[in-house]
């Protein structure tokens, strides 16, 4: 998983997508559902982790998926925003050390 924060511009780039949890997965070729509590999803080569809704203070979980055909879920805006805020805070805090 790669997400980078460019200090000069504040731009964030990433090589994965936010896919809503508990939706049918068609990208891996395995008959499974997305999400960290589904074993087949967790064993997929494209699975990078799960952002659980309770940690982001939202109602839904989102899987970080690196499958090349996946796109960001249309409902993932809040999860993306919160993820970016946390990434920016950690990047700026690292400058203090």
PDB file of N, CA and C in Angstrom:
ATOM      1  N   UNK A   1       0.855  -1.164   0.000  1.00  0.00           N
ATOM      2  CA  UNK A   1       0.000   0.000   0.000  1.00  0.00           C
ATOM      3  C   UNK A   1       0.893   1.214   0.000  1.00  0.00           C
ATOM      4  N   UNK A   2       0.566   2.141  -0.865  1.00  0.00           N
ATOM      5  CA  UNK A   2       1.334   3.366  -0.894  1.00  0.00           C
ATOM      6  C   UNK A   2       0.397   4.563  -0.951  1.00  0.00           C
ATOM      7  N   UNK A   3       0.576   5.425   0.008  1.00  0.00           N
ATOM      8  CA  UNK A   3      -0.092   6.716   0.017  1.00  0.00           C
ATOM      9  C   UNK A   3       0.981   7.718   0.379  1.00  0.00           C
ATOM     10  N   UNK A   4       1.104   8.761  -0.416  1.00  0.00           N
ATOM     11  CA  UNK A   4       2.158   9.737  -0.173  1.00  0.00           C
ATOM     12  C   UNK A   4       1.566  11.133  -0.010  1.00  0.00           C
ATOM     13  N   UNK A   5       2.232  11.914   0.812  1.00  0.00           N
ATOM     14  CA  UNK A   5       1.858  13.301   1.048  1.00  0.00           C
ATOM     15  C   UNK A   5       3.013  14.160   0.565  1.00  0.00           C
ATOM     16  N   UNK A   6       2.744  15.052  -0.380  1.00  0.00           N
ATOM     17  CA  UNK A   6       3.776  15.944  -0.900  1.00  0.00           C
ATOM     18  C   UNK A   6       3.763  17.222  -0.060  1.00  0.00           C
ATOM     19  N   UNK A   7       4.828  17.435   0.677  1.00  0.00           N
ATOM     20  CA  UNK A   7       4.880  18.556   1.620  1.00  0.00           C
ATOM     21  C   UNK A   7       4.745  19.906   0.938  1.00  0.00           C
ATOM     22  N   UNK A   8       5.344  20.072  -0.222  1.00  0.00           N
ATOM     23  CA  UNK A   8       5.338  21.375  -0.886  1.00  0.00           C
ATOM     24  C   UNK A   8       3.937  21.797  -1.347  1.00  0.00           C
ATOM     25  N   UNK A   9       3.135  20.840  -1.786  1.00  0.00           N
ATOM     26  CA  UNK A   9       1.825  21.183  -2.344  1.00  0.00           C
ATOM     27  C   UNK A   9       0.652  20.700  -1.495  1.00  0.00           C
ATOM     28  N   UNK A  10       0.898  19.762  -0.594  1.00  0.00           N
ATOM     29  CA  UNK A  10      -0.177  19.178   0.194  1.00  0.00           C
ATOM     30  C   UNK A  10      -0.951  18.118  -0.555  1.00  0.00           C
ATOM     31  N   UNK A  11      -0.472  17.746  -1.738  1.00  0.00           N
ATOM     32  CA  UNK A  11      -1.159  16.751  -2.562  1.00  0.00           C
ATOM     33  C   UNK A  11      -0.931  15.343  -2.014  1.00  0.00           C
ATOM     34  N   UNK A  12      -1.998  14.545  -2.013  1.00  0.00           N
ATOM     35  CA  UNK A  12      -1.925  13.158  -1.570  1.00  0.00           C
ATOM     36  C   UNK A  12      -2.207  12.254  -2.761  1.00  0.00           C
ATOM     37  N   UNK A  13      -1.370  11.249  -2.933  1.00  0.00           N
ATOM     38  CA  UNK A  13      -1.585  10.254  -3.981  1.00  0.00           C
ATOM     39  C   UNK A  13      -1.606   8.880  -3.318  1.00  0.00           C
ATOM     40  N   UNK A  14      -2.317   7.959  -3.936  1.00  0.00           N
ATOM     41  CA  UNK A  14      -2.395   6.596  -3.417  1.00  0.00           C
ATOM     42  C   UNK A  14      -2.551   5.623  -4.570  1.00  0.00           C
ATOM     43  N   UNK A  15      -2.185   4.381  -4.324  1.00  0.00           N
ATOM     44  CA  UNK A  15      -2.263   3.349  -5.366  1.00  0.00           C
ATOM     45  C   UNK A  15      -3.318   2.301  -5.053  1.00  0.00           C
ATOM     46  N   UNK A  16      -4.345   2.680  -4.323  1.00  0.00           N
ATOM     47  CA  UNK A  16      -5.425   1.768  -3.980  1.00  0.00           C
ATOM     48  C   UNK A  16      -6.750   2.521  -4.024  1.00  0.00           C
ATOM     49  N   UNK A  17      -7.837   1.755  -3.907  1.00  0.00           N
ATOM     50  CA  UNK A  17      -9.177   2.343  -3.968  1.00  0.00           C
ATOM     51  C   UNK A  17      -9.950   1.990  -2.710  1.00  0.00           C
ATOM     52  N   UNK A  18     -10.917   2.820  -2.393  1.00  0.00           N
ATOM     53  CA  UNK A  18     -11.800   2.572  -1.260  1.00  0.00           C
ATOM     54  C   UNK A  18     -13.069   1.893  -1.773  1.00  0.00           C
ATOM     55  N   UNK A  19     -13.273   0.646  -1.377  1.00  0.00           N
ATOM     56  CA  UNK A  19     -14.415  -0.146  -1.804  1.00  0.00           C
ATOM     57  C   UNK A  19     -15.281  -0.428  -0.572  1.00  0.00           C
ATOM     58  N   UNK A  20     -16.571  -0.195  -0.692  1.00  0.00           N
ATOM     59  CA  UNK A  20     -17.478  -0.391   0.433  1.00  0.00           C
ATOM     60  C   UNK A  20     -17.449  -1.841   0.904  1.00  0.00           C
ATOM     61  N   UNK A  21     -17.411  -2.036   2.201  1.00  0.00           N
ATOM     62  CA  UNK A  21     -17.405  -3.357   2.787  1.00  0.00           C
ATOM     63  C   UNK A  21     -18.749  -4.054   2.615  1.00  0.00           C
ATOM     64  N   UNK A  22     -18.707  -5.365   2.679  1.00  0.00           N
ATOM     65  CA  UNK A  22     -19.887  -6.214   2.555  1.00  0.00           C
ATOM     66  C   UNK A  22     -20.613  -6.049   1.229  1.00  0.00           C
ATOM     67  N   UNK A  23     -19.842  -5.837   0.163  1.00  0.00           N
ATOM     68  CA  UNK A  23     -20.406  -5.853  -1.185  1.00  0.00           C
ATOM     69  C   UNK A  23     -19.749  -7.007  -1.935  1.00  0.00           C
ATOM     70  N   UNK A  24     -20.443  -7.528  -2.926  1.00  0.00           N
ATOM     71  CA  UNK A  24     -19.923  -8.675  -3.669  1.00  0.00           C
ATOM     72  C   UNK A  24     -18.651  -8.272  -4.413  1.00  0.00           C
ATOM     73  N   UNK A  25     -17.630  -9.083  -4.272  1.00  0.00           N
ATOM     74  CA  UNK A  25     -16.357  -8.825  -4.941  1.00  0.00           C
ATOM     75  C   UNK A  25     -16.317  -9.586  -6.262  1.00  0.00           C
ATOM     76  N   UNK A  26     -16.026  -8.888  -7.316  1.00  0.00           N
ATOM     77  CA  UNK A  26     -15.894  -9.522  -8.622  1.00  0.00           C
ATOM     78  C   UNK A  26     -14.487  -9.365  -9.183  1.00  0.00           C
ATOM     79  N   UNK A  27     -13.634  -8.645  -8.482  1.00  0.00           N
ATOM     80  CA  UNK A  27     -12.306  -8.352  -9.005  1.00  0.00           C
ATOM     81  C   UNK A  27     -11.272  -9.429  -8.802  1.00  0.00           C
ATOM     82  N   UNK A  28     -11.385 -10.199  -7.751  1.00  0.00           N
ATOM     83  CA  UNK A  28     -10.327 -11.152  -7.428  1.00  0.00           C
ATOM     84  C   UNK A  28     -10.487 -12.496  -8.127  1.00  0.00           C
ATOM     85  N   UNK A  29     -11.666 -12.770  -8.662  1.00  0.00           N
ATOM     86  CA  UNK A  29     -11.925 -14.071  -9.248  1.00  0.00           C
ATOM     87  C   UNK A  29     -12.420 -15.082  -8.226  1.00  0.00           C
ATOM     88  N   UNK A  30     -12.452 -14.692  -6.972  1.00  0.00           N
ATOM     89  CA  UNK A  30     -12.952 -15.561  -5.912  1.00  0.00           C
ATOM     90  C   UNK A  30     -14.393 -15.192  -5.594  1.00  0.00           C
ATOM     91  N   UNK A  31     -15.235 -16.170  -5.306  1.00  0.00           N
ATOM     92  CA  UNK A  31     -16.603 -15.841  -4.910  1.00  0.00           C
ATOM     93  C   UNK A  31     -16.616 -15.373  -3.453  1.00  0.00           C
ATOM     94  N   UNK A  32     -16.596 -14.082  -3.246  1.00  0.00           N
ATOM     95  CA  UNK A  32     -16.509 -13.560  -1.885  1.00  0.00           C
ATOM     96  C   UNK A  32     -17.157 -12.191  -1.785  1.00  0.00           C
ATOM     97  N   UNK A  33     -17.177 -11.684  -0.574  1.00  0.00           N
ATOM     98  CA  UNK A  33     -17.661 -10.346  -0.263  1.00  0.00           C
ATOM     99  C   UNK A  33     -16.479  -9.531   0.229  1.00  0.00           C
ATOM    100  N   UNK A  34     -16.544  -8.232   0.054  1.00  0.00           N
ATOM    101  CA  UNK A  34     -15.455  -7.382   0.509  1.00  0.00           C
ATOM    102  C   UNK A  34     -15.557  -7.174   2.010  1.00  0.00           C
ATOM    103  N   UNK A  35     -14.433  -6.993   2.622  1.00  0.00           N
ATOM    104  CA  UNK A  35     -14.417  -6.676   4.042  1.00  0.00           C
ATOM    105  C   UNK A  35     -13.431  -7.498   4.830  1.00  0.00           C
ATOM    106  N   UNK A  36     -12.948  -6.901   5.906  1.00  0.00           N
ATOM    107  CA  UNK A  36     -11.922  -7.517   6.720  1.00  0.00           C
ATOM    108  C   UNK A  36     -12.362  -8.748   7.477  1.00  0.00           C
ATOM    109  N   UNK A  37     -13.658  -8.969   7.641  1.00  0.00           N
ATOM    110  CA  UNK A  37     -14.100 -10.158   8.351  1.00  0.00           C
ATOM    111  C   UNK A  37     -14.450 -11.306   7.403  1.00  0.00           C
ATOM    112  N   UNK A  38     -14.181 -11.139   6.125  1.00  0.00           N
ATOM    113  CA  UNK A  38     -14.374 -12.214   5.145  1.00  0.00           C
ATOM    114  C   UNK A  38     -13.000 -12.785   4.806  1.00  0.00           C
ATOM    115  N   UNK A  39     -12.784 -14.053   5.129  1.00  0.00           N
ATOM    116  CA  UNK A  39     -11.461 -14.655   4.974  1.00  0.00           C
ATOM    117  C   UNK A  39     -10.933 -14.602   3.547  1.00  0.00           C
ATOM    118  N   UNK A  40     -11.787 -14.861   2.575  1.00  0.00           N
ATOM    119  CA  UNK A  40     -11.301 -14.856   1.192  1.00  0.00           C
ATOM    120  C   UNK A  40     -10.851 -13.469   0.762  1.00  0.00           C
ATOM    121  N   UNK A  41     -11.547 -12.451   1.236  1.00  0.00           N
ATOM    122  CA  UNK A  41     -11.136 -11.081   0.918  1.00  0.00           C
ATOM    123  C   UNK A  41      -9.769 -10.799   1.544  1.00  0.00           C
ATOM    124  N   UNK A  42      -9.612 -11.175   2.801  1.00  0.00           N
ATOM    125  CA  UNK A  42      -8.356 -10.923   3.498  1.00  0.00           C
ATOM    126  C   UNK A  42      -7.183 -11.675   2.883  1.00  0.00           C
ATOM    127  N   UNK A  43      -7.454 -12.789   2.206  1.00  0.00           N
ATOM    128  CA  UNK A  43      -6.385 -13.580   1.601  1.00  0.00           C
ATOM    129  C   UNK A  43      -6.097 -13.175   0.158  1.00  0.00           C
ATOM    130  N   UNK A  44      -6.888 -12.276  -0.377  1.00  0.00           N
ATOM    131  CA  UNK A  44      -6.715 -11.832  -1.759  1.00  0.00           C
ATOM    132  C   UNK A  44      -5.438 -11.009  -1.889  1.00  0.00           C
ATOM    133  N   UNK A  45      -4.769 -11.166  -3.001  1.00  0.00           N
ATOM    134  CA  UNK A  45      -3.511 -10.438  -3.243  1.00  0.00           C
ATOM    135  C   UNK A  45      -3.723  -8.923  -3.339  1.00  0.00           C
ATOM    136  N   UNK A  46      -4.946  -8.479  -3.588  1.00  0.00           N
ATOM    137  CA  UNK A  46      -5.226  -7.059  -3.745  1.00  0.00           C
ATOM    138  C   UNK A  46      -5.704  -6.395  -2.453  1.00  0.00           C
ATOM    139  N   UNK A  47      -5.987  -7.185  -1.440  1.00  0.00           N
ATOM    140  CA  UNK A  47      -6.485  -6.656  -0.167  1.00  0.00           C
ATOM    141  C   UNK A  47      -5.355  -5.979   0.599  1.00  0.00           C
ATOM    142  N   UNK A  48      -5.597  -4.733   1.007  1.00  0.00           N
ATOM    143  CA  UNK A  48      -4.578  -3.997   1.754  1.00  0.00           C
ATOM    144  C   UNK A  48      -4.988  -3.689   3.182  1.00  0.00           C
ATOM    145  N   UNK A  49      -6.240  -3.876   3.486  1.00  0.00           N
ATOM    146  CA  UNK A  49      -6.705  -3.590   4.828  1.00  0.00           C
ATOM    147  C   UNK A  49      -8.121  -3.060   4.802  1.00  0.00           C
ATOM    148  N   UNK A  50      -8.674  -2.907   5.981  1.00  0.00           N
ATOM    149  CA  UNK A  50     -10.033  -2.414   6.111  1.00  0.00           C
ATOM    150  C   UNK A  50     -10.049  -1.205   7.025  1.00  0.00           C
ATOM    151  N   UNK A  51     -10.737  -0.172   6.601  1.00  0.00           N
ATOM    152  CA  UNK A  51     -10.999   0.983   7.455  1.00  0.00           C
ATOM    153  C   UNK A  51     -12.375   0.755   8.049  1.00  0.00           C
ATOM    154  N   UNK A  52     -12.405   0.432   9.323  1.00  0.00           N
ATOM    155  CA  UNK A  52     -13.675   0.155   9.974  1.00  0.00           C
ATOM    156  C   UNK A  52     -14.390   1.458  10.304  1.00  0.00           C
ATOM    157  N   UNK A  53     -15.685   1.454  10.059  1.00  0.00           N
ATOM    158  CA  UNK A  53     -16.490   2.648  10.259  1.00  0.00           C
ATOM    159  C   UNK A  53     -16.358   3.244  11.640  1.00  0.00           C
ATOM    160  N   UNK A  54     -16.265   2.394  12.663  1.00  0.00           N
ATOM    161  CA  UNK A  54     -16.183   2.921  14.024  1.00  0.00           C
ATOM    162  C   UNK A  54     -14.883   3.671  14.257  1.00  0.00           C
ATOM    163  N   UNK A  55     -13.810   3.347  13.525  1.00  0.00           N
ATOM    164  CA  UNK A  55     -12.550   4.080  13.692  1.00  0.00           C
ATOM    165  C   UNK A  55     -12.577   5.401  12.942  1.00  0.00           C
ATOM    166  N   UNK A  56     -13.428   5.477  11.918  1.00  0.00           N
ATOM    167  CA  UNK A  56     -13.540   6.704  11.127  1.00  0.00           C
ATOM    168  C   UNK A  56     -14.744   7.548  11.539  1.00  0.00           C
ATOM    169  N   UNK A  57     -15.524   7.033  12.488  1.00  0.00           N
ATOM    170  CA  UNK A  57     -16.745   7.691  12.953  1.00  0.00           C
ATOM    171  C   UNK A  57     -17.786   7.816  11.835  1.00  0.00           C
ATOM    172  N   UNK A  58     -17.886   6.753  11.043  1.00  0.00           N
ATOM    173  CA  UNK A  58     -18.922   6.661  10.018  1.00  0.00           C
ATOM    174  C   UNK A  58     -19.604   5.303  10.168  1.00  0.00           C
ATOM    175  N   UNK A  59     -20.703   5.096   9.451  1.00  0.00           N
ATOM    176  CA  UNK A  59     -21.492   3.873   9.611  1.00  0.00           C
ATOM    177  C   UNK A  59     -20.994   2.691   8.784  1.00  0.00           C
ATOM    178  N   UNK A  60     -20.158   2.921   7.788  1.00  0.00           N
ATOM    179  CA  UNK A  60     -19.781   1.847   6.874  1.00  0.00           C
ATOM    180  C   UNK A  60     -18.282   1.568   6.929  1.00  0.00           C
ATOM    181  N   UNK A  61     -17.929   0.317   6.640  1.00  0.00           N
ATOM    182  CA  UNK A  61     -16.532  -0.079   6.519  1.00  0.00           C
ATOM    183  C   UNK A  61     -16.107   0.071   5.061  1.00  0.00           C
ATOM    184  N   UNK A  62     -14.827   0.333   4.842  1.00  0.00           N
ATOM    185  CA  UNK A  62     -14.287   0.404   3.486  1.00  0.00           C
ATOM    186  C   UNK A  62     -13.004  -0.391   3.409  1.00  0.00           C
ATOM    187  N   UNK A  63     -12.899  -1.182   2.342  1.00  0.00           N
ATOM    188  CA  UNK A  63     -11.712  -1.980   2.080  1.00  0.00           C
ATOM    189  C   UNK A  63     -10.772  -1.162   1.210  1.00  0.00           C
ATOM    190  N   UNK A  64      -9.490  -1.232   1.537  1.00  0.00           N
ATOM    191  CA  UNK A  64      -8.480  -0.626   0.676  1.00  0.00           C
ATOM    192  C   UNK A  64      -8.048  -1.727  -0.286  1.00  0.00           C
ATOM    193  N   UNK A  65      -8.423  -1.574  -1.550  1.00  0.00           N
ATOM    194  CA  UNK A  65      -8.233  -2.617  -2.557  1.00  0.00           C
ATOM    195  C   UNK A  65      -7.328  -2.096  -3.674  1.00  0.00           C
ATOM    196  N   UNK A  66      -6.356  -2.902  -4.029  1.00  0.00           N
ATOM    197  CA  UNK A  66      -5.388  -2.502  -5.048  1.00  0.00           C
ATOM    198  C   UNK A  66      -5.684  -3.129  -6.418  1.00  0.00           C
ATOM    199  N   UNK A  67      -6.844  -3.757  -6.568  1.00  0.00           N
ATOM    200  CA  UNK A  67      -7.176  -4.376  -7.857  1.00  0.00           C
ATOM    201  C   UNK A  67      -7.228  -3.292  -8.930  1.00  0.00           C
ATOM    202  N   UNK A  68      -6.579  -3.516 -10.079  1.00  0.00           N
ATOM    203  CA  UNK A  68      -6.497  -2.468 -11.106  1.00  0.00           C
ATOM    204  C   UNK A  68      -7.843  -2.079 -11.720  1.00  0.00           C
ATOM    205  N   UNK A  69      -8.831  -2.959 -11.677  1.00  0.00           N
ATOM    206  CA  UNK A  69     -10.131  -2.638 -12.267  1.00  0.00           C
ATOM    207  C   UNK A  69     -11.099  -1.975 -11.284  1.00  0.00           C
ATOM    208  N   UNK A  70     -10.744  -1.933 -10.014  1.00  0.00           N
ATOM    209  CA  UNK A  70     -11.622  -1.335  -9.015  1.00  0.00           C
ATOM    210  C   UNK A  70     -11.547   0.183  -9.088  1.00  0.00           C
ATOM    211  N   UNK A  71     -12.629   0.802  -8.691  1.00  0.00           N
ATOM    212  CA  UNK A  71     -12.709   2.263  -8.602  1.00  0.00           C
ATOM    213  C   UNK A  71     -13.167   2.611  -7.196  1.00  0.00           C
ATOM    214  N   UNK A  72     -12.961   3.852  -6.795  1.00  0.00           N
ATOM    215  CA  UNK A  72     -13.459   4.298  -5.502  1.00  0.00           C
ATOM    216  C   UNK A  72     -14.976   4.212  -5.499  1.00  0.00           C
ATOM    217  N   UNK A  73     -15.518   3.704  -4.403  1.00  0.00           N
ATOM    218  CA  UNK A  73     -16.963   3.635  -4.257  1.00  0.00           C
ATOM    219  C   UNK A  73     -17.510   5.056  -4.183  1.00  0.00           C
ATOM    220  N   UNK A  74     -18.662   5.264  -4.785  1.00  0.00           N
ATOM    221  CA  UNK A  74     -19.238   6.620  -4.826  1.00  0.00           C
ATOM    222  C   UNK A  74     -19.577   7.148  -3.440  1.00  0.00           C
ATOM    223  N   UNK A  75     -19.743   6.267  -2.461  1.00  0.00           N
ATOM    224  CA  UNK A  75     -20.058   6.675  -1.095  1.00  0.00           C
ATOM    225  C   UNK A  75     -18.821   6.795  -0.207  1.00  0.00           C
ATOM    226  N   UNK A  76     -17.640   6.724  -0.784  1.00  0.00           N
ATOM    227  CA  UNK A  76     -16.423   6.688   0.026  1.00  0.00           C
ATOM    228  C   UNK A  76     -15.825   8.061   0.312  1.00  0.00           C
ATOM    229  N   UNK A  77     -16.507   9.105  -0.052  1.00  0.00           N
ATOM    230  CA  UNK A  77     -15.954  10.448   0.116  1.00  0.00           C
ATOM    231  C   UNK A  77     -15.564  10.785   1.541  1.00  0.00           C
ATOM    232  N   UNK A  78     -16.414  10.456   2.506  1.00  0.00           N
ATOM    233  CA  UNK A  78     -16.109  10.769   3.893  1.00  0.00           C
ATOM    234  C   UNK A  78     -14.933   9.937   4.388  1.00  0.00           C
ATOM    235  N   UNK A  79     -14.896   8.662   4.009  1.00  0.00           N
ATOM    236  CA  UNK A  79     -13.780   7.798   4.403  1.00  0.00           C
ATOM    237  C   UNK A  79     -12.475   8.325   3.803  1.00  0.00           C
ATOM    238  N   UNK A  80     -12.511   8.738   2.542  1.00  0.00           N
ATOM    239  CA  UNK A  80     -11.320   9.302   1.905  1.00  0.00           C
ATOM    240  C   UNK A  80     -10.860  10.562   2.626  1.00  0.00           C
ATOM    241  N   UNK A  81     -11.800  11.427   2.913  1.00  0.00           N
ATOM    242  CA  UNK A  81     -11.477  12.684   3.579  1.00  0.00           C
ATOM    243  C   UNK A  81     -10.844  12.441   4.947  1.00  0.00           C
ATOM    244  N   UNK A  82     -11.442  11.560   5.727  1.00  0.00           N
ATOM    245  CA  UNK A  82     -10.895  11.264   7.042  1.00  0.00           C
ATOM    246  C   UNK A  82      -9.532  10.584   6.942  1.00  0.00           C
ATOM    247  N   UNK A  83      -9.368   9.701   5.959  1.00  0.00           N
ATOM    248  CA  UNK A  83      -8.085   9.040   5.742  1.00  0.00           C
ATOM    249  C   UNK A  83      -7.021  10.071   5.372  1.00  0.00           C
ATOM    250  N   UNK A  84      -7.356  10.986   4.468  1.00  0.00           N
ATOM    251  CA  UNK A  84      -6.417  12.022   4.049  1.00  0.00           C
ATOM    252  C   UNK A  84      -6.043  12.932   5.209  1.00  0.00           C
ATOM    253  N   UNK A  85      -7.025  13.296   6.032  1.00  0.00           N
ATOM    254  CA  UNK A  85      -6.733  14.142   7.195  1.00  0.00           C
ATOM    255  C   UNK A  85      -5.742  13.461   8.129  1.00  0.00           C
ATOM    256  N   UNK A  86      -5.974  12.170   8.380  1.00  0.00           N
ATOM    257  CA  UNK A  86      -5.080  11.423   9.271  1.00  0.00           C
ATOM    258  C   UNK A  86      -3.684  11.296   8.661  1.00  0.00           C
ATOM    259  N   UNK A  87      -3.614  11.017   7.367  1.00  0.00           N
ATOM    260  CA  UNK A  87      -2.325  10.898   6.693  1.00  0.00           C
ATOM    261  C   UNK A  87      -1.563  12.217   6.759  1.00  0.00           C
ATOM    262  N   UNK A  88      -2.258  13.322   6.518  1.00  0.00           N
ATOM    263  CA  UNK A  88      -1.623  14.643   6.567  1.00  0.00           C
ATOM    264  C   UNK A  88      -1.108  14.950   7.969  1.00  0.00           C
ATOM    265  N   UNK A  89      -1.907  14.643   8.991  1.00  0.00           N
ATOM    266  CA  UNK A  89      -1.482  14.881  10.372  1.00  0.00           C
ATOM    267  C   UNK A  89      -0.237  14.079  10.719  1.00  0.00           C
ATOM    268  N   UNK A  90      -0.214  12.822  10.301  1.00  0.00           N
ATOM    269  CA  UNK A  90       0.954  11.980  10.594  1.00  0.00           C
ATOM    270  C   UNK A  90       2.192  12.456   9.843  1.00  0.00           C
ATOM    271  N   UNK A  91       2.011  12.885   8.596  1.00  0.00           N
ATOM    272  CA  UNK A  91       3.138  13.373   7.807  1.00  0.00           C
ATOM    273  C   UNK A  91       3.718  14.651   8.423  1.00  0.00           C
ATOM    274  N   UNK A  92       2.851  15.551   8.830  1.00  0.00           N
ATOM    275  CA  UNK A  92       3.320  16.808   9.437  1.00  0.00           C
ATOM    276  C   UNK A  92       3.921  16.569  10.818  1.00  0.00           C
ATOM    277  N   UNK A  93       3.378  15.634  11.563  1.00  0.00           N
ATOM    278  CA  UNK A  93       3.941  15.306  12.878  1.00  0.00           C
ATOM    279  C   UNK A  93       5.331  14.712  12.742  1.00  0.00           C
ATOM    280  N   UNK A  94       5.563  13.991  11.651  1.00  0.00           N
ATOM    281  CA  UNK A  94       6.874  13.390  11.437  1.00  0.00           C
ATOM    282  C   UNK A  94       7.963  14.446  11.253  1.00  0.00           C
ATOM    283  N   UNK A  95       7.583  15.646  10.832  1.00  0.00           N
ATOM    284  CA  UNK A  95       8.555  16.735  10.668  1.00  0.00           C
ATOM    285  C   UNK A  95       9.084  17.226  12.011  1.00  0.00           C
ATOM    286  N   UNK A  96       8.325  16.995  13.060  1.00  0.00           N
ATOM    287  CA  UNK A  96       8.705  17.475  14.383  1.00  0.00           C
ATOM    288  C   UNK A  96       9.804  16.640  15.011  1.00  0.00           C
ATOM    289  N   UNK A  97      10.073  15.467  14.466  1.00  0.00           N
ATOM    290  CA  UNK A  97      11.072  14.588  15.068  1.00  0.00           C
ATOM    291  C   UNK A  97      12.394  14.691  14.409  1.00  0.00           C
TER     292      UNK A  97
END
